[in-house]
Amino acid sequence: MAHLLFIDESGQDRGDSPYEVLAGVSVEDRDLWNLVCALQDAELRLFGRRYSANRGELKGKKLLKRKTFRQAKQLPAIPEPTRSFLAKRCLDQGGQAGKQEITALAQAKLAYVAEVFEICLRFRCRAFASIISRTAPRPTSQNYLRKDYAYLFERFFYYLEDKPVETVGLVVFDELEKSQSHLLVHQMDSYFKRTSKGRHRSSLIVPEPLFVHSDLTTGIQVADLVAYVLSWGFRLREMREPSRQELADFVDGVCRMRYKATREVQGNDNFAIWSFAYIEDLRAVDERFLQ
């Protein structure tokens, strides 16, 4: 048995995103094709055609931007069959579409994202994330795996470890620029071979990742939606950046995919470790100590 962890990022360009997020969505191998088919069926039903046919990825910054919510409210809710017909016409007509078509497409986008998270729950998917403060100090060396990746792998490992039968984890990344991909492979190799925690976790996680094109890989697109929603809508007590309240229902959908592990930590046998971690400093302990 294997679980695939599809990983994508949001806010890593240090633009206007309130938080950087490294997010992963895990799905069991036997469920993967059924999950993909269900998501594609939802896309066809809600948009009247494959939205991604000539528009690239179904990304959070396209589907959930503020403009989409404004356009969706231009008219009352449109019943699904009519909405699907109008949304398709909007996609086909492009700049020639009218207000009714534009509104229908915006409503279809929001309905699609909500259904994505429902479908993921139906197929027992789990979400993992490292959420990083924009002001988090960065490590000066590129020789080591960054803390956000290490935390993500830690949570994924706990999830696999809790499975009743032995389960292996495969890591699938959105393809990066080639030099960045090589660097990440090197860092993962070093982490899983040369650290005690990494060697232990390599018993369940295959240390060599797979790289795919995100516009051709449904799992990566789901991870992108999770990352976007967490960056703009999810907040813990120590996360002080404002959130977008219109994303609240989507945040609820993502949070239902969280995983809670319990481990012994400093004498507490039932210490809760959630699959979403907030990180305020990306440096290793020894590097922070030297500052």
C-alpha atoms as a PDB file:
ATOM      1  CA  MET A   1       0.000   0.000   0.000  1.00  0.00           C
ATOM      2  CA  ALA A   2       1.245   3.502  -0.818  1.00  0.00           C
ATOM      3  CA  HIS A   3       0.139   7.069  -0.221  1.00  0.00           C
ATOM      4  CA  LEU A   4       1.144   9.807  -2.654  1.00  0.00           C
ATOM      5  CA  LEU A   5       1.802  13.261  -1.216  1.00  0.00           C
ATOM      6  CA  PHE A   6       1.266  15.937  -3.874  1.00  0.00           C
ATOM      7  CA  ILE A   7       3.070  19.145  -2.869  1.00  0.00           C
ATOM      8  CA  ASP A   8       2.721  22.720  -4.086  1.00  0.00           C
ATOM      9  CA  GLU A   9       3.427  26.212  -2.796  1.00  0.00           C
ATOM     10  CA  SER A  10       1.667  29.549  -2.456  1.00  0.00           C
ATOM     11  CA  GLY A  11       3.184  32.939  -1.796  1.00  0.00           C
ATOM     12  CA  GLN A  12       6.794  31.844  -2.374  1.00  0.00           C
ATOM     13  CA  ASP A  13       7.316  34.721  -4.807  1.00  0.00           C
ATOM     14  CA  ARG A  14       7.188  37.039  -1.742  1.00  0.00           C
ATOM     15  CA  GLY A  15       4.431  39.055  -3.427  1.00  0.00           C
ATOM     16  CA  ASP A  16       1.248  40.193  -1.692  1.00  0.00           C
ATOM     17  CA  SER A  17       0.363  36.845  -0.063  1.00  0.00           C
ATOM     18  CA  PRO A  18       0.096  37.239   3.730  1.00  0.00           C
ATOM     19  CA  TYR A  19       1.902  33.923   4.350  1.00  0.00           C
ATOM     20  CA  GLU A  20       4.061  31.519   2.401  1.00  0.00           C
ATOM     21  CA  VAL A  21       2.611  28.012   2.415  1.00  0.00           C
ATOM     22  CA  LEU A  22       4.085  24.660   1.503  1.00  0.00           C
ATOM     23  CA  ALA A  23       1.084  22.331   1.255  1.00  0.00           C
ATOM     24  CA  GLY A  24       0.643  18.657   0.550  1.00  0.00           C
ATOM     25  CA  VAL A  25      -2.403  16.501  -0.157  1.00  0.00           C
ATOM     26  CA  SER A  26      -2.137  12.782   0.477  1.00  0.00           C
ATOM     27  CA  VAL A  27      -4.205  10.146  -1.320  1.00  0.00           C
ATOM     28  CA  GLU A  28      -3.953   6.369  -1.213  1.00  0.00           C
ATOM     29  CA  ASP A  29      -2.788   4.765  -4.450  1.00  0.00           C
ATOM     30  CA  ARG A  30      -5.969   2.707  -4.876  1.00  0.00           C
ATOM     31  CA  ASP A  31      -8.085   5.900  -4.630  1.00  0.00           C
ATOM     32  CA  LEU A  32      -6.027   8.124  -6.920  1.00  0.00           C
ATOM     33  CA  TRP A  33      -7.679   7.385 -10.261  1.00  0.00           C
ATOM     34  CA  ASN A  34     -11.189   7.491  -8.814  1.00  0.00           C
ATOM     35  CA  LEU A  35     -10.335  10.839  -7.192  1.00  0.00           C
ATOM     36  CA  VAL A  36      -9.047  12.229 -10.496  1.00  0.00           C
ATOM     37  CA  CYS A  37     -12.159  11.036 -12.351  1.00  0.00           C
ATOM     38  CA  ALA A  38     -14.480  12.546  -9.744  1.00  0.00           C
ATOM     39  CA  LEU A  39     -12.686  15.909  -9.897  1.00  0.00           C
ATOM     40  CA  GLN A  40     -12.766  15.959 -13.694  1.00  0.00           C
ATOM     41  CA  ASP A  41     -16.455  15.019 -13.698  1.00  0.00           C
ATOM     42  CA  ALA A  42     -17.147  17.943 -11.348  1.00  0.00           C
ATOM     43  CA  GLU A  43     -15.190  20.248 -13.658  1.00  0.00           C
ATOM     44  CA  LEU A  44     -17.228  19.152 -16.688  1.00  0.00           C
ATOM     45  CA  ARG A  45     -20.548  19.405 -14.844  1.00  0.00           C
ATOM     46  CA  LEU A  46     -19.946  22.829 -13.286  1.00  0.00           C
ATOM     47  CA  PHE A  47     -18.198  24.556 -16.208  1.00  0.00           C
ATOM     48  CA  GLY A  48     -19.917  22.722 -19.051  1.00  0.00           C
ATOM     49  CA  ARG A  49     -16.478  21.716 -20.354  1.00  0.00           C
ATOM     50  CA  ARG A  50     -12.942  21.272 -19.060  1.00  0.00           C
ATOM     51  CA  TYR A  51     -12.041  24.665 -17.654  1.00  0.00           C
ATOM     52  CA  SER A  52      -8.364  23.732 -17.924  1.00  0.00           C
ATOM     53  CA  ALA A  53      -8.597  22.829 -21.632  1.00  0.00           C
ATOM     54  CA  ASN A  54      -6.993  26.058 -22.819  1.00  0.00           C
ATOM     55  CA  ARG A  55      -6.560  28.096 -19.626  1.00  0.00           C
ATOM     56  CA  GLY A  56      -3.836  26.103 -17.902  1.00  0.00           C
ATOM     57  CA  GLU A  57      -4.143  25.140 -14.248  1.00  0.00           C
ATOM     58  CA  LEU A  58      -7.114  25.394 -11.923  1.00  0.00           C
ATOM     59  CA  LYS A  59      -5.119  27.540  -9.522  1.00  0.00           C
ATOM     60  CA  GLY A  60      -6.312  29.220  -6.344  1.00  0.00           C
ATOM     61  CA  LYS A  61      -5.204  32.683  -7.456  1.00  0.00           C
ATOM     62  CA  LYS A  62      -7.432  32.325 -10.544  1.00  0.00           C
ATOM     63  CA  LEU A  63     -10.474  30.694  -8.967  1.00  0.00           C
ATOM     64  CA  LEU A  64     -10.572  32.427  -5.570  1.00  0.00           C
ATOM     65  CA  LYS A  65      -9.308  35.938  -6.200  1.00  0.00           C
ATOM     66  CA  ARG A  66     -11.387  38.801  -4.789  1.00  0.00           C
ATOM     67  CA  LYS A  67     -12.699  39.669  -8.245  1.00  0.00           C
ATOM     68  CA  THR A  68     -14.324  36.239  -8.516  1.00  0.00           C
ATOM     69  CA  PHE A  69     -16.367  36.855  -5.356  1.00  0.00           C
ATOM     70  CA  ARG A  70     -17.442  40.307  -6.579  1.00  0.00           C
ATOM     71  CA  GLN A  71     -18.524  38.906  -9.935  1.00  0.00           C
ATOM     72  CA  ALA A  72     -20.391  36.003  -8.306  1.00  0.00           C
ATOM     73  CA  LYS A  73     -22.549  38.495  -6.369  1.00  0.00           C
ATOM     74  CA  GLN A  74     -23.536  40.556  -9.417  1.00  0.00           C
ATOM     75  CA  LEU A  75     -26.719  38.483  -9.778  1.00  0.00           C
ATOM     76  CA  PRO A  76     -28.704  36.056  -7.579  1.00  0.00           C
ATOM     77  CA  ALA A  77     -27.542  32.438  -7.492  1.00  0.00           C
ATOM     78  CA  ILE A  78     -28.075  30.806 -10.889  1.00  0.00           C
ATOM     79  CA  PRO A  79     -29.425  27.198 -10.886  1.00  0.00           C
ATOM     80  CA  GLU A  80     -26.729  24.692 -11.826  1.00  0.00           C
ATOM     81  CA  PRO A  81     -27.906  23.551 -15.300  1.00  0.00           C
ATOM     82  CA  THR A  82     -28.318  27.144 -16.485  1.00  0.00           C
ATOM     83  CA  ARG A  83     -25.141  28.234 -14.713  1.00  0.00           C
ATOM     84  CA  SER A  84     -23.149  25.490 -16.407  1.00  0.00           C
ATOM     85  CA  PHE A  85     -24.463  26.492 -19.843  1.00  0.00           C
ATOM     86  CA  LEU A  86     -23.640  30.160 -19.245  1.00  0.00           C
ATOM     87  CA  ALA A  87     -20.229  29.384 -17.722  1.00  0.00           C
ATOM     88  CA  LYS A  88     -19.301  27.362 -20.805  1.00  0.00           C
ATOM     89  CA  ARG A  89     -20.423  30.194 -23.039  1.00  0.00           C
ATOM     90  CA  CYS A  90     -18.262  32.591 -21.030  1.00  0.00           C
ATOM     91  CA  LEU A  91     -15.231  30.341 -21.410  1.00  0.00           C
ATOM     92  CA  ASP A  92     -15.863  29.938 -25.130  1.00  0.00           C
ATOM     93  CA  GLN A  93     -16.548  33.618 -25.811  1.00  0.00           C
ATOM     94  CA  GLY A  94     -13.772  35.071 -23.673  1.00  0.00           C
ATOM     95  CA  GLY A  95     -13.835  38.877 -23.813  1.00  0.00           C
ATOM     96  CA  GLN A  96     -17.179  38.901 -25.637  1.00  0.00           C
ATOM     97  CA  ALA A  97     -19.089  37.431 -22.666  1.00  0.00           C
ATOM     98  CA  GLY A  98     -21.779  39.508 -20.972  1.00  0.00           C
ATOM     99  CA  LYS A  99     -22.663  40.116 -17.336  1.00  0.00           C
ATOM    100  CA  GLN A 100     -24.826  36.995 -17.003  1.00  0.00           C
ATOM    101  CA  GLU A 101     -22.123  34.727 -18.424  1.00  0.00           C
ATOM    102  CA  ILE A 102     -19.387  36.316 -16.300  1.00  0.00           C
ATOM    103  CA  THR A 103     -21.509  35.937 -13.162  1.00  0.00           C
ATOM    104  CA  ALA A 104     -22.255  32.312 -13.969  1.00  0.00           C
ATOM    105  CA  LEU A 105     -18.575  31.525 -14.467  1.00  0.00           C
ATOM    106  CA  ALA A 106     -17.645  33.173 -11.162  1.00  0.00           C
ATOM    107  CA  GLN A 107     -20.338  31.206  -9.308  1.00  0.00           C
ATOM    108  CA  ALA A 108     -19.152  28.007 -11.007  1.00  0.00           C
ATOM    109  CA  LYS A 109     -15.565  28.655  -9.872  1.00  0.00           C
ATOM    110  CA  LEU A 110     -16.628  28.935  -6.216  1.00  0.00           C
ATOM    111  CA  ALA A 111     -18.876  25.888  -6.479  1.00  0.00           C
ATOM    112  CA  TYR A 112     -16.038  23.897  -8.031  1.00  0.00           C
ATOM    113  CA  VAL A 113     -13.528  24.654  -5.261  1.00  0.00           C
ATOM    114  CA  ALA A 114     -16.085  23.760  -2.588  1.00  0.00           C
ATOM    115  CA  GLU A 115     -16.771  20.470  -4.353  1.00  0.00           C
ATOM    116  CA  VAL A 116     -13.041  19.725  -4.716  1.00  0.00           C
ATOM    117  CA  PHE A 117     -12.666  19.649  -0.941  1.00  0.00           C
ATOM    118  CA  GLU A 118     -15.820  17.546  -0.520  1.00  0.00           C
ATOM    119  CA  ILE A 119     -14.539  15.031  -3.061  1.00  0.00           C
ATOM    120  CA  CYS A 120     -11.152  14.900  -1.324  1.00  0.00           C
ATOM    121  CA  LEU A 121     -12.885  14.088   1.958  1.00  0.00           C
ATOM    122  CA  ARG A 122     -14.907  11.379   0.245  1.00  0.00           C
ATOM    123  CA  PHE A 123     -11.679   9.722  -0.876  1.00  0.00           C
ATOM    124  CA  ARG A 124     -10.059  10.079   2.567  1.00  0.00           C
ATOM    125  CA  CYS A 125      -7.447  12.605   1.462  1.00  0.00           C
ATOM    126  CA  ARG A 126      -5.405  14.362   4.132  1.00  0.00           C
ATOM    127  CA  ALA A 127      -3.873  17.831   4.002  1.00  0.00           C
ATOM    128  CA  PHE A 128      -0.471  18.820   5.390  1.00  0.00           C
ATOM    129  CA  ALA A 129       1.066  22.280   5.452  1.00  0.00           C
ATOM    130  CA  SER A 130       3.943  24.398   6.661  1.00  0.00           C
ATOM    131  CA  ILE A 131       2.776  27.996   6.986  1.00  0.00           C
ATOM    132  CA  ILE A 132       5.610  30.518   7.082  1.00  0.00           C
ATOM    133  CA  SER A 133       5.673  34.085   8.346  1.00  0.00           C
ATOM    134  CA  ARG A 134       6.763  36.556   5.680  1.00  0.00           C
ATOM    135  CA  THR A 135       9.280  37.936   8.182  1.00  0.00           C
ATOM    136  CA  ALA A 136      10.717  34.523   9.110  1.00  0.00           C
ATOM    137  CA  PRO A 137      14.542  34.613   9.124  1.00  0.00           C
ATOM    138  CA  ARG A 138      15.972  32.430   6.351  1.00  0.00           C
ATOM    139  CA  PRO A 139      18.873  29.959   6.613  1.00  0.00           C
ATOM    140  CA  THR A 140      22.129  31.212   5.118  1.00  0.00           C
ATOM    141  CA  SER A 141      23.219  27.765   3.912  1.00  0.00           C
ATOM    142  CA  GLN A 142      21.554  25.759   1.137  1.00  0.00           C
ATOM    143  CA  ASN A 143      23.191  22.535   2.253  1.00  0.00           C
ATOM    144  CA  TYR A 144      20.332  21.542   4.530  1.00  0.00           C
ATOM    145  CA  LEU A 145      16.651  20.823   4.021  1.00  0.00           C
ATOM    146  CA  ARG A 146      14.601  23.827   5.050  1.00  0.00           C
ATOM    147  CA  LYS A 147      12.470  23.556   8.165  1.00  0.00           C
ATOM    148  CA  ASP A 148       9.168  23.902   6.280  1.00  0.00           C
ATOM    149  CA  TYR A 149       9.969  20.769   4.246  1.00  0.00           C
ATOM    150  CA  ALA A 150      11.191  18.890   7.334  1.00  0.00           C
ATOM    151  CA  TYR A 151       7.997  19.741   9.238  1.00  0.00           C
ATOM    152  CA  LEU A 152       5.842  18.655   6.303  1.00  0.00           C
ATOM    153  CA  PHE A 153       7.651  15.321   6.068  1.00  0.00           C
ATOM    154  CA  GLU A 154       7.411  14.861   9.845  1.00  0.00           C
ATOM    155  CA  ARG A 155       3.614  15.239   9.813  1.00  0.00           C
ATOM    156  CA  PHE A 156       3.291  12.990   6.779  1.00  0.00           C
ATOM    157  CA  PHE A 157       5.461  10.377   8.506  1.00  0.00           C
ATOM    158  CA  TYR A 158       3.252  10.407  11.626  1.00  0.00           C
ATOM    159  CA  TYR A 159       0.214   9.879   9.415  1.00  0.00           C
ATOM    160  CA  LEU A 160       1.837   6.896   7.695  1.00  0.00           C
ATOM    161  CA  GLU A 161       3.107   5.535  11.007  1.00  0.00           C
ATOM    162  CA  ASP A 162      -0.440   5.512  12.419  1.00  0.00           C
ATOM    163  CA  LYS A 163      -1.741   3.325   9.598  1.00  0.00           C
ATOM    164  CA  PRO A 164      -2.783  -0.182  10.766  1.00  0.00           C
ATOM    165  CA  VAL A 165      -0.783  -1.817   7.969  1.00  0.00           C
ATOM    166  CA  GLU A 166       2.663  -0.827   6.747  1.00  0.00           C
ATOM    167  CA  THR A 167       2.316   1.998   4.249  1.00  0.00           C
ATOM    168  CA  VAL A 168       4.952   3.724   2.142  1.00  0.00           C
ATOM    169  CA  GLY A 169       4.802   7.406   1.188  1.00  0.00           C
ATOM    170  CA  LEU A 170       5.747   8.782  -2.239  1.00  0.00           C
ATOM    171  CA  VAL A 171       6.464  12.509  -2.596  1.00  0.00           C
ATOM    172  CA  VAL A 172       5.332  14.295  -5.773  1.00  0.00           C
ATOM    173  CA  PHE A 173       6.451  17.878  -6.420  1.00  0.00           C
ATOM    174  CA  ASP A 174       5.423  20.474  -8.946  1.00  0.00           C
ATOM    175  CA  GLU A 175       8.418  20.701 -11.263  1.00  0.00           C
ATOM    176  CA  LEU A 176      10.738  23.540 -10.325  1.00  0.00           C
ATOM    177  CA  GLU A 177      13.396  25.274 -12.374  1.00  0.00           C
ATOM    178  CA  LYS A 178      15.990  22.547 -13.022  1.00  0.00           C
ATOM    179  CA  SER A 179      18.707  23.901 -10.726  1.00  0.00           C
ATOM    180  CA  GLN A 180      16.144  24.261  -7.923  1.00  0.00           C
ATOM    181  CA  SER A 181      14.935  20.700  -8.489  1.00  0.00           C
ATOM    182  CA  HIS A 182      18.513  19.412  -8.255  1.00  0.00           C
ATOM    183  CA  LEU A 183      19.070  21.399  -5.071  1.00  0.00           C
ATOM    184  CA  LEU A 184      15.900  20.026  -3.454  1.00  0.00           C
ATOM    185  CA  VAL A 185      16.841  16.445  -4.415  1.00  0.00           C
ATOM    186  CA  HIS A 186      20.295  16.981  -2.868  1.00  0.00           C
ATOM    187  CA  GLN A 187      18.824  18.457   0.316  1.00  0.00           C
ATOM    188  CA  MET A 188      16.322  15.612   0.683  1.00  0.00           C
ATOM    189  CA  ASP A 189      19.037  13.042   0.064  1.00  0.00           C
ATOM    190  CA  SER A 190      21.182  14.616   2.771  1.00  0.00           C
ATOM    191  CA  TYR A 191      18.276  14.875   5.230  1.00  0.00           C
ATOM    192  CA  PHE A 192      17.085  11.291   4.811  1.00  0.00           C
ATOM    193  CA  LYS A 193      20.619   9.798   4.838  1.00  0.00           C
ATOM    194  CA  ARG A 194      22.591  11.965   7.258  1.00  0.00           C
ATOM    195  CA  THR A 195      20.187  12.949  10.047  1.00  0.00           C
ATOM    196  CA  SER A 196      18.800  10.560  12.639  1.00  0.00           C
ATOM    197  CA  LYS A 197      15.233  11.801  12.155  1.00  0.00           C
ATOM    198  CA  GLY A 198      15.557  11.584   8.396  1.00  0.00           C
ATOM    199  CA  ARG A 199      16.922   8.047   8.468  1.00  0.00           C
ATOM    200  CA  HIS A 200      14.068   7.004  10.735  1.00  0.00           C
ATOM    201  CA  ARG A 201      11.470   8.606   8.472  1.00  0.00           C
ATOM    202  CA  SER A 202      12.954   7.046   5.346  1.00  0.00           C
ATOM    203  CA  SER A 203      11.558   3.752   6.643  1.00  0.00           C
ATOM    204  CA  LEU A 204       8.137   4.961   5.462  1.00  0.00           C
ATOM    205  CA  ILE A 205       8.837   7.865   3.068  1.00  0.00           C
ATOM    206  CA  VAL A 206      10.720   7.206  -0.171  1.00  0.00           C
ATOM    207  CA  PRO A 207      13.447   9.890  -0.053  1.00  0.00           C
ATOM    208  CA  GLU A 208      13.693  10.439  -3.814  1.00  0.00           C
ATOM    209  CA  PRO A 209      10.824  12.684  -5.000  1.00  0.00           C
ATOM    210  CA  LEU A 210       8.960  12.644  -8.283  1.00  0.00           C
ATOM    211  CA  PHE A 211       8.591  15.853 -10.311  1.00  0.00           C
ATOM    212  CA  VAL A 212       5.584  16.508 -12.550  1.00  0.00           C
ATOM    213  CA  HIS A 213       4.053  19.342 -14.557  1.00  0.00           C
ATOM    214  CA  SER A 214       1.388  20.931 -12.378  1.00  0.00           C
ATOM    215  CA  ASP A 215      -0.914  21.791 -15.303  1.00  0.00           C
ATOM    216  CA  LEU A 216      -1.062  18.078 -16.174  1.00  0.00           C
ATOM    217  CA  THR A 217      -1.357  16.669 -12.643  1.00  0.00           C
ATOM    218  CA  THR A 218      -4.643  16.916 -10.763  1.00  0.00           C
ATOM    219  CA  GLY A 219      -3.118  16.212  -7.343  1.00  0.00           C
ATOM    220  CA  ILE A 220      -0.753  19.187  -7.612  1.00  0.00           C
ATOM    221  CA  GLN A 221      -3.666  21.462  -8.516  1.00  0.00           C
ATOM    222  CA  VAL A 222      -5.555  20.345  -5.395  1.00  0.00           C
ATOM    223  CA  ALA A 223      -2.455  21.063  -3.279  1.00  0.00           C
ATOM    224  CA  ASP A 224      -2.304  24.544  -4.824  1.00  0.00           C
ATOM    225  CA  LEU A 225      -5.912  25.226  -3.791  1.00  0.00           C
ATOM    226  CA  VAL A 226      -5.150  24.074  -0.235  1.00  0.00           C
ATOM    227  CA  ALA A 227      -2.038  26.296  -0.075  1.00  0.00           C
ATOM    228  CA  TYR A 228      -3.916  29.351  -1.359  1.00  0.00           C
ATOM    229  CA  VAL A 229      -6.807  28.956   1.083  1.00  0.00           C
ATOM    230  CA  LEU A 230      -4.424  28.521   4.026  1.00  0.00           C
ATOM    231  CA  SER A 231      -2.363  31.574   3.070  1.00  0.00           C
ATOM    232  CA  TRP A 232      -5.322  33.902   2.713  1.00  0.00           C
ATOM    233  CA  GLY A 233      -7.919  32.437   5.074  1.00  0.00           C
ATOM    234  CA  PHE A 234      -6.542  30.119   7.782  1.00  0.00           C
ATOM    235  CA  ARG A 235      -5.366  31.686  11.040  1.00  0.00           C
ATOM    236  CA  LEU A 236      -3.943  30.438  14.315  1.00  0.00           C
ATOM    237  CA  ARG A 237      -3.649  32.657  17.377  1.00  0.00           C
ATOM    238  CA  GLU A 238      -0.073  33.677  16.584  1.00  0.00           C
ATOM    239  CA  MET A 239      -0.868  34.472  12.938  1.00  0.00           C
ATOM    240  CA  ARG A 240      -1.664  38.188  12.966  1.00  0.00           C
ATOM    241  CA  GLU A 241      -2.022  38.997   9.284  1.00  0.00           C
ATOM    242  CA  PRO A 242      -5.645  39.784   8.312  1.00  0.00           C
ATOM    243  CA  SER A 243      -7.633  37.055   6.604  1.00  0.00           C
ATOM    244  CA  ARG A 244     -10.221  37.194   3.832  1.00  0.00           C
ATOM    245  CA  GLN A 245     -13.535  36.392   5.468  1.00  0.00           C
ATOM    246  CA  GLU A 246     -15.163  35.332   2.186  1.00  0.00           C
ATOM    247  CA  LEU A 247     -12.865  32.277   2.274  1.00  0.00           C
ATOM    248  CA  ALA A 248     -14.267  31.007   5.601  1.00  0.00           C
ATOM    249  CA  ASP A 249     -16.275  28.125   4.097  1.00  0.00           C
ATOM    250  CA  PHE A 250     -13.273  26.994   2.066  1.00  0.00           C
ATOM    251  CA  VAL A 251     -11.073  27.141   5.168  1.00  0.00           C
ATOM    252  CA  ASP A 252     -13.576  24.846   6.906  1.00  0.00           C
ATOM    253  CA  GLY A 253     -13.311  22.415   3.980  1.00  0.00           C
ATOM    254  CA  VAL A 254      -9.518  22.373   4.153  1.00  0.00           C
ATOM    255  CA  CYS A 255      -9.471  22.020   7.950  1.00  0.00           C
ATOM    256  CA  ARG A 256     -11.644  18.929   7.709  1.00  0.00           C
ATOM    257  CA  MET A 257      -8.722  17.352   5.835  1.00  0.00           C
ATOM    258  CA  ARG A 258      -6.234  17.972   8.661  1.00  0.00           C
ATOM    259  CA  TYR A 259      -4.681  15.057  10.503  1.00  0.00           C
ATOM    260  CA  LYS A 260      -4.114  14.963  14.256  1.00  0.00           C
ATOM    261  CA  ALA A 261      -1.358  12.688  15.527  1.00  0.00           C
ATOM    262  CA  THR A 262      -0.578  12.138  19.200  1.00  0.00           C
ATOM    263  CA  ARG A 263       2.948  11.450  20.391  1.00  0.00           C
ATOM    264  CA  GLU A 264       4.913  11.437  23.630  1.00  0.00           C
ATOM    265  CA  VAL A 265       6.568  14.850  23.985  1.00  0.00           C
ATOM    266  CA  GLN A 266       8.393  15.931  27.139  1.00  0.00           C
ATOM    267  CA  GLY A 267       6.507  13.511  29.346  1.00  0.00           C
ATOM    268  CA  ASN A 268       3.091  14.184  27.811  1.00  0.00           C
ATOM    269  CA  ASP A 269       1.927  10.893  26.258  1.00  0.00           C
ATOM    270  CA  ASN A 270      -0.927  12.520  24.333  1.00  0.00           C
ATOM    271  CA  PHE A 271       0.686  15.612  22.864  1.00  0.00           C
ATOM    272  CA  ALA A 272      -1.329  16.696  19.801  1.00  0.00           C
ATOM    273  CA  ILE A 273       0.611  17.291  16.587  1.00  0.00           C
ATOM    274  CA  TRP A 274      -1.600  18.702  13.846  1.00  0.00           C
ATOM    275  CA  SER A 275      -0.707  18.391  10.187  1.00  0.00           C
ATOM    276  CA  PHE A 276      -0.608  22.204   9.804  1.00  0.00           C
ATOM    277  CA  ALA A 277       2.484  23.824  11.335  1.00  0.00           C
ATOM    278  CA  TYR A 278       3.156  27.567  11.690  1.00  0.00           C
ATOM    279  CA  ILE A 279       6.825  28.526  11.382  1.00  0.00           C
ATOM    280  CA  GLU A 280       8.258  31.884  12.467  1.00  0.00           C
ATOM    281  CA  ASP A 281      11.938  31.071  11.912  1.00  0.00           C
ATOM    282  CA  LEU A 282      13.291  28.827   9.136  1.00  0.00           C
ATOM    283  CA  ARG A 283      16.813  28.626  10.530  1.00  0.00           C
ATOM    284  CA  ALA A 284      18.206  25.559  12.266  1.00  0.00           C
ATOM    285  CA  VAL A 285      18.766  25.758  16.031  1.00  0.00           C
ATOM    286  CA  ASP A 286      22.544  26.031  15.736  1.00  0.00           C
ATOM    287  CA  GLU A 287      22.298  28.862  13.208  1.00  0.00           C
ATOM    288  CA  ARG A 288      19.856  30.792  15.409  1.00  0.00           C
ATOM    289  CA  PHE A 289      22.192  30.332  18.372  1.00  0.00           C
ATOM    290  CA  LEU A 290      25.145  31.827  16.455  1.00  0.00           C
ATOM    291  CA  GLN A 291      23.263  35.027  15.580  1.00  0.00           C
END
